[in-house]
Amino acid sequence: MSDSQHILSYYDPAVEKVEKALKLAQSTKASPEVIRALQSACQLIQQREQFTKSSTSEASDACKNILSETNKHDWAAAHQQGKTSWYLMPLMMSGPTEGSQFLKSIVSIQKAKRILEIGMFTGYSALSMAEALPADGEMVTIDQDEYLKRLVEDKLFKRSPHHRKIKCVIGKAPEIVKRMAERGEQFDIIFLDADQANYLEYFKYAFEKNLLGPGGSVLIDNAFMQGDGYMSTTGENNTKRFAHWLASNLDLHKVLVPLRDGVLMVRRLSDVEGAIS
């Protein structure tokens, strides 16, 4: 199994099922036709991943460095030493296609000047989006561990001239977001890439307290949550509860893009529906 195929299967339960079916067919000496069909399916998955990569612009050198350093970092040791609240893993990054180019494209299309990100990790998506901001733009990114702030600001962001646009805020995101809304702050794009248990609260600040500016967009990473959102075997969970709430809110326009682990874009319906003369 190749690295890219493994990364894809980590997020897509259907791909994982195909991989397991192939191993089962091989171990039980299934008919050659069945084995070849499953091998062909795995090859198509791999080819699609390679085609997606080759059809997408490359990340900047600074973003490539974040990817490399995140993969090399000893996250297990950092967590064991109490430096991080969670056992962080490289797969938590938004990834080159989504983080480096899709989000960057949305920022450019939106002509955003101010962005809020909840869930910085090592700053891959934050820097990617900052690269598309104008010189006077601001990328505010929130995380809860001071360890990450020191690592990202001192060793990763400063490799890029765009680091001047980025402001790292450390603390509990719900409290920080509440204070921002109370101060009347507004953002053109809000990117959620954190604990889904608080997403409904963030949405209420975004749309009811106008933390999201006029014509703005909310982008949600891990909208599939590795199948939690649609698999019947996962039972009730935060992903499903949030999806049900979102579906019942008819004042919002939503589209779920099946990129990586799913990116959900939400806007005010009034910003999407065209006028009739």
Protein backbone atom coordinates (compact mmCIF):
# COMPACT_ATOMS: atom_id res chain seq x y z
CA MET A 1 0.00 0.00 0.00
CA SER A 2 1.48 3.36 -1.01
CA ASP A 3 1.75 6.32 1.37
CA SER A 4 -0.79 8.44 -0.52
CA GLN A 5 -3.25 5.59 -0.67
CA HIS A 6 -2.86 5.00 3.07
CA ILE A 7 -3.43 8.68 3.82
CA LEU A 8 -6.59 8.62 1.72
CA SER A 9 -7.90 5.46 3.40
CA TYR A 10 -7.39 7.07 6.80
CA TYR A 11 -10.18 9.50 5.94
CA ASP A 12 -12.38 7.45 3.63
CA PRO A 13 -14.02 4.36 5.17
CA ALA A 14 -15.08 3.13 1.71
CA VAL A 15 -11.45 3.03 0.55
CA GLU A 16 -10.45 1.24 3.73
CA LYS A 17 -13.17 -1.38 3.07
CA VAL A 18 -11.85 -1.98 -0.45
CA GLU A 19 -8.30 -2.40 0.88
CA LYS A 20 -9.51 -4.89 3.50
CA ALA A 21 -11.57 -6.75 0.90
CA LEU A 22 -8.47 -7.15 -1.28
CA LYS A 23 -6.43 -8.53 1.63
CA LEU A 24 -9.26 -10.90 2.52
CA ALA A 25 -9.58 -12.07 -1.09
CA GLN A 26 -5.83 -12.72 -1.28
CA SER A 27 -5.67 -14.53 2.07
CA THR A 28 -8.66 -16.77 1.29
CA LYS A 29 -7.47 -17.51 -2.25
CA ALA A 30 -10.52 -16.00 -3.90
CA SER A 31 -10.92 -16.27 -7.66
CA PRO A 32 -8.29 -14.42 -9.71
CA GLU A 33 -11.04 -12.32 -11.29
CA VAL A 34 -12.19 -11.01 -7.89
CA ILE A 35 -8.61 -10.23 -6.80
CA ARG A 36 -7.87 -8.42 -10.08
CA ALA A 37 -11.06 -6.38 -9.78
CA LEU A 38 -10.17 -5.27 -6.26
CA GLN A 39 -6.58 -4.52 -7.27
CA SER A 40 -7.91 -2.43 -10.14
CA ALA A 41 -10.14 -0.48 -7.72
CA CYS A 42 -7.14 0.26 -5.46
CA GLN A 43 -5.08 1.34 -8.47
CA LEU A 44 -7.84 3.73 -9.56
CA ILE A 45 -7.87 5.28 -6.10
CA GLN A 46 -4.12 5.75 -6.31
CA GLN A 47 -4.29 7.16 -9.85
CA ARG A 48 -7.03 9.60 -8.88
CA GLU A 49 -4.91 10.84 -5.97
CA GLN A 50 -1.88 11.29 -8.23
CA PHE A 51 -3.98 13.05 -10.89
CA THR A 52 -5.41 15.41 -8.28
CA LYS A 53 -1.90 16.24 -7.08
CA SER A 54 -0.50 16.80 -10.58
CA SER A 55 -3.47 19.00 -11.55
CA THR A 56 -3.07 21.25 -8.50
CA SER A 57 -0.56 24.08 -8.07
CA GLU A 58 2.36 23.34 -5.78
CA ALA A 59 2.56 24.70 -2.26
CA SER A 60 5.00 27.47 -1.40
CA ASP A 61 8.41 26.54 -0.02
CA ALA A 62 7.36 27.81 3.40
CA CYS A 63 4.27 25.57 3.41
CA LYS A 64 6.34 22.62 2.23
CA ASN A 65 8.65 23.25 5.17
CA ILE A 66 5.69 23.19 7.59
CA LEU A 67 4.61 19.86 6.10
CA SER A 68 8.11 18.42 6.46
CA GLU A 69 8.71 19.70 9.99
CA THR A 70 5.29 18.54 11.19
CA ASN A 71 5.95 15.03 9.89
CA LYS A 72 9.36 14.91 11.60
CA HIS A 73 8.26 16.32 14.96
CA ASP A 74 8.05 13.97 17.96
CA TRP A 75 4.41 14.62 18.91
CA ALA A 76 4.22 11.61 21.21
CA ALA A 77 7.03 13.00 23.36
CA ALA A 78 5.50 16.47 23.37
CA HIS A 79 2.23 15.08 24.69
CA GLN A 80 3.91 12.80 27.25
CA GLN A 81 5.82 15.79 28.60
CA GLY A 82 2.58 17.75 29.00
CA LYS A 83 3.43 20.30 26.32
CA THR A 84 0.28 19.64 24.28
CA SER A 85 -3.30 19.10 25.44
CA TRP A 86 -3.89 16.44 22.78
CA TYR A 87 -1.77 13.76 21.19
CA LEU A 88 -1.29 15.64 17.93
CA MET A 89 -0.50 13.87 14.65
CA PRO A 90 0.65 15.05 11.19
CA LEU A 91 -2.60 13.78 9.65
CA MET A 92 -4.37 16.60 11.51
CA MET A 93 -2.97 19.06 8.96
CA SER A 94 -5.38 20.19 6.26
CA GLY A 95 -3.08 18.83 3.55
CA PRO A 96 -1.52 20.28 0.37
CA THR A 97 -4.60 20.17 -1.88
CA GLU A 98 -7.13 21.41 0.66
CA GLY A 99 -4.96 23.60 2.87
CA SER A 100 -2.48 24.97 0.42
CA GLN A 101 -4.60 25.53 -2.66
CA PHE A 102 -8.36 25.10 -2.09
CA LEU A 103 -8.51 27.38 0.96
CA LYS A 104 -6.08 29.78 -0.67
CA SER A 105 -8.31 29.92 -3.75
CA ILE A 106 -11.41 30.63 -1.63
CA VAL A 107 -9.62 33.52 0.10
CA SER A 108 -8.66 34.92 -3.30
CA ILE A 109 -12.15 34.47 -4.80
CA GLN A 110 -13.76 36.00 -1.72
CA LYS A 111 -11.27 38.90 -1.83
CA ALA A 112 -11.05 38.48 1.92
CA LYS A 113 -9.10 40.90 4.08
CA ARG A 114 -9.65 39.35 7.51
CA ILE A 115 -9.79 35.64 8.38
CA LEU A 116 -10.42 33.77 11.62
CA GLU A 117 -9.15 30.20 12.00
CA ILE A 118 -10.10 28.05 14.99
CA GLY A 119 -7.56 25.24 15.24
CA MET A 120 -4.06 26.30 14.15
CA PHE A 121 -1.95 23.17 14.84
CA THR A 122 1.34 23.83 12.96
CA GLY A 123 -0.09 26.63 10.85
CA TYR A 124 -0.21 25.00 7.42
CA SER A 125 -3.69 26.26 6.52
CA ALA A 126 -3.13 29.61 8.27
CA LEU A 127 -0.05 30.39 6.22
CA SER A 128 -1.69 29.13 3.02
CA MET A 129 -4.62 31.50 3.49
CA ALA A 130 -2.37 34.37 4.58
CA GLU A 131 -0.50 34.03 1.28
CA ALA A 132 -3.69 35.07 -0.55
CA LEU A 133 -4.45 38.08 1.67
CA PRO A 134 -3.56 41.64 0.60
CA ALA A 135 -0.62 43.33 2.31
CA ASP A 136 -2.93 44.91 4.90
CA GLY A 137 -4.90 41.70 5.49
CA GLU A 138 -4.98 39.81 8.79
CA MET A 139 -5.08 36.11 9.56
CA VAL A 140 -6.11 35.44 13.19
CA THR A 141 -5.54 31.83 14.21
CA ILE A 142 -6.49 30.29 17.57
CA ASP A 143 -5.08 27.30 19.42
CA GLN A 144 -4.90 26.30 23.07
CA ASP A 145 -1.25 25.31 23.56
CA GLU A 146 1.52 27.86 24.08
CA TYR A 147 3.92 25.15 22.87
CA LEU A 148 2.39 25.37 19.39
CA LYS A 149 2.60 29.15 19.32
CA ARG A 150 6.33 29.10 20.08
CA LEU A 151 6.98 26.31 17.57
CA VAL A 152 4.96 27.87 14.76
CA GLU A 153 5.91 31.52 15.21
CA ASP A 154 9.61 31.00 15.87
CA LYS A 155 10.43 28.12 13.52
CA LEU A 156 7.77 27.87 10.81
CA PHE A 157 5.95 31.10 9.96
CA LYS A 158 9.07 33.25 9.80
CA ARG A 159 10.28 31.41 6.71
CA SER A 160 7.58 33.30 4.81
CA PRO A 161 7.27 37.07 4.27
CA HIS A 162 3.52 36.59 4.80
CA HIS A 163 4.07 35.82 8.50
CA ARG A 164 3.51 39.51 9.26
CA LYS A 165 -0.18 39.07 8.41
CA ILE A 166 -0.67 36.27 10.95
CA LYS A 167 -1.69 36.76 14.57
CA CYS A 168 -1.59 33.70 16.86
CA VAL A 169 -3.99 33.74 19.80
CA ILE A 170 -3.62 31.14 22.55
CA GLY A 171 -6.49 30.15 24.83
CA LYS A 172 -9.89 28.50 24.94
CA ALA A 173 -11.52 29.17 21.60
CA PRO A 174 -15.15 29.54 22.83
CA GLU A 175 -14.09 32.28 25.27
CA ILE A 176 -11.93 34.06 22.69
CA VAL A 177 -14.66 33.94 20.04
CA LYS A 178 -17.21 35.29 22.52
CA ARG A 179 -14.97 38.25 23.38
CA MET A 180 -14.37 38.95 19.69
CA ALA A 181 -18.11 39.04 19.01
CA GLU A 182 -18.74 41.28 22.01
CA ARG A 183 -16.12 43.73 20.71
CA GLY A 184 -17.90 43.81 17.36
CA GLU A 185 -15.05 42.21 15.41
CA GLN A 186 -15.88 40.81 11.97
CA PHE A 187 -14.21 38.42 9.56
CA ASP A 188 -14.67 37.71 5.87
CA ILE A 189 -13.88 34.01 6.31
CA ILE A 190 -14.11 31.81 9.40
CA PHE A 191 -12.34 28.44 9.13
CA LEU A 192 -13.30 25.80 11.70
CA ASP A 193 -10.80 22.99 12.21
CA ALA A 194 -11.19 22.09 15.88
CA ASP A 195 -13.38 20.21 18.37
CA GLN A 196 -16.80 19.85 16.73
CA ALA A 197 -18.58 19.94 20.09
CA ASN A 198 -18.36 23.76 19.97
CA TYR A 199 -19.30 24.32 16.32
CA LEU A 200 -22.91 25.25 17.02
CA GLU A 201 -21.72 27.91 19.47
CA TYR A 202 -19.30 29.32 16.89
CA PHE A 203 -22.06 29.42 14.29
CA LYS A 204 -24.35 31.40 16.56
CA TYR A 205 -21.63 34.00 17.07
CA ALA A 206 -20.89 34.02 13.35
CA PHE A 207 -24.45 34.46 12.09
CA GLU A 208 -26.47 35.78 15.05
CA LYS A 209 -23.81 38.07 16.55
CA ASN A 210 -22.37 39.02 13.12
CA LEU A 211 -18.85 37.80 13.80
CA LEU A 212 -19.03 36.87 10.10
CA GLY A 213 -19.04 40.03 8.03
CA PRO A 214 -21.42 40.82 5.14
CA GLY A 215 -20.94 38.42 2.23
CA GLY A 216 -18.70 36.21 4.36
CA SER A 217 -18.21 32.45 4.37
CA VAL A 218 -17.71 29.82 7.07
CA LEU A 219 -15.56 26.85 6.04
CA ILE A 220 -15.59 23.65 8.09
CA ASP A 221 -12.88 21.03 7.82
CA ASN A 222 -13.50 17.31 8.52
CA ALA A 223 -17.18 17.61 7.65
CA PHE A 224 -17.28 13.84 7.03
CA MET A 225 -15.23 13.14 10.18
CA GLN A 226 -13.97 9.87 8.70
CA GLY A 227 -17.53 8.68 8.08
CA ASP A 228 -19.04 9.70 11.42
CA GLY A 229 -21.41 12.04 9.63
CA TYR A 230 -23.07 9.42 7.44
CA MET A 231 -22.28 5.91 8.71
CA SER A 232 -25.18 4.26 10.54
CA THR A 233 -22.76 2.23 12.64
CA THR A 234 -21.30 5.32 14.34
CA GLY A 235 -24.53 6.20 16.16
CA GLU A 236 -25.35 9.72 17.34
CA ASN A 237 -22.33 12.04 17.49
CA ASN A 238 -21.31 15.71 17.25
CA THR A 239 -20.91 15.56 13.46
CA LYS A 240 -24.44 14.26 12.94
CA ARG A 241 -25.99 16.61 15.49
CA PHE A 242 -24.37 19.61 13.86
CA ALA A 243 -25.39 18.43 10.38
CA HIS A 244 -29.02 18.03 11.49
CA TRP A 245 -29.03 21.54 12.98
CA LEU A 246 -27.50 22.97 9.85
CA ALA A 247 -29.99 21.21 7.57
CA SER A 248 -32.91 22.66 9.55
CA ASN A 249 -31.61 26.23 9.20
CA LEU A 250 -33.15 27.39 5.92
CA ASP A 251 -31.56 30.85 6.11
CA LEU A 252 -28.16 29.36 5.33
CA HIS A 253 -26.76 28.11 2.04
CA LYS A 254 -24.51 25.05 2.34
CA VAL A 255 -22.35 22.96 0.06
CA LEU A 256 -20.19 20.04 1.16
CA VAL A 257 -17.16 19.56 -1.06
CA PRO A 258 -15.94 15.92 -0.94
CA LEU A 259 -12.29 16.95 -0.71
CA ARG A 260 -10.15 14.85 1.64
CA ASP A 261 -12.29 14.50 4.81
CA GLY A 262 -14.92 16.92 3.50
CA VAL A 263 -14.98 20.73 3.47
CA LEU A 264 -18.35 22.33 4.18
CA MET A 265 -18.97 25.91 3.04
CA VAL A 266 -21.81 27.88 4.65
CA ARG A 267 -23.02 31.34 3.67
CA ARG A 268 -26.09 33.47 4.30
CA LEU A 269 -28.76 32.50 1.81
CA SER A 270 -29.32 36.17 1.03
CA ASP A 271 -25.69 36.40 -0.18
CA VAL A 272 -26.16 33.50 -2.60
CA GLU A 273 -29.65 33.84 -4.09
CA GLY A 274 -29.70 36.20 -7.06
CA ALA A 275 -32.27 38.92 -7.57
CA ILE A 276 -35.08 38.75 -10.14
CA SER A 277 -35.86 41.79 -12.26
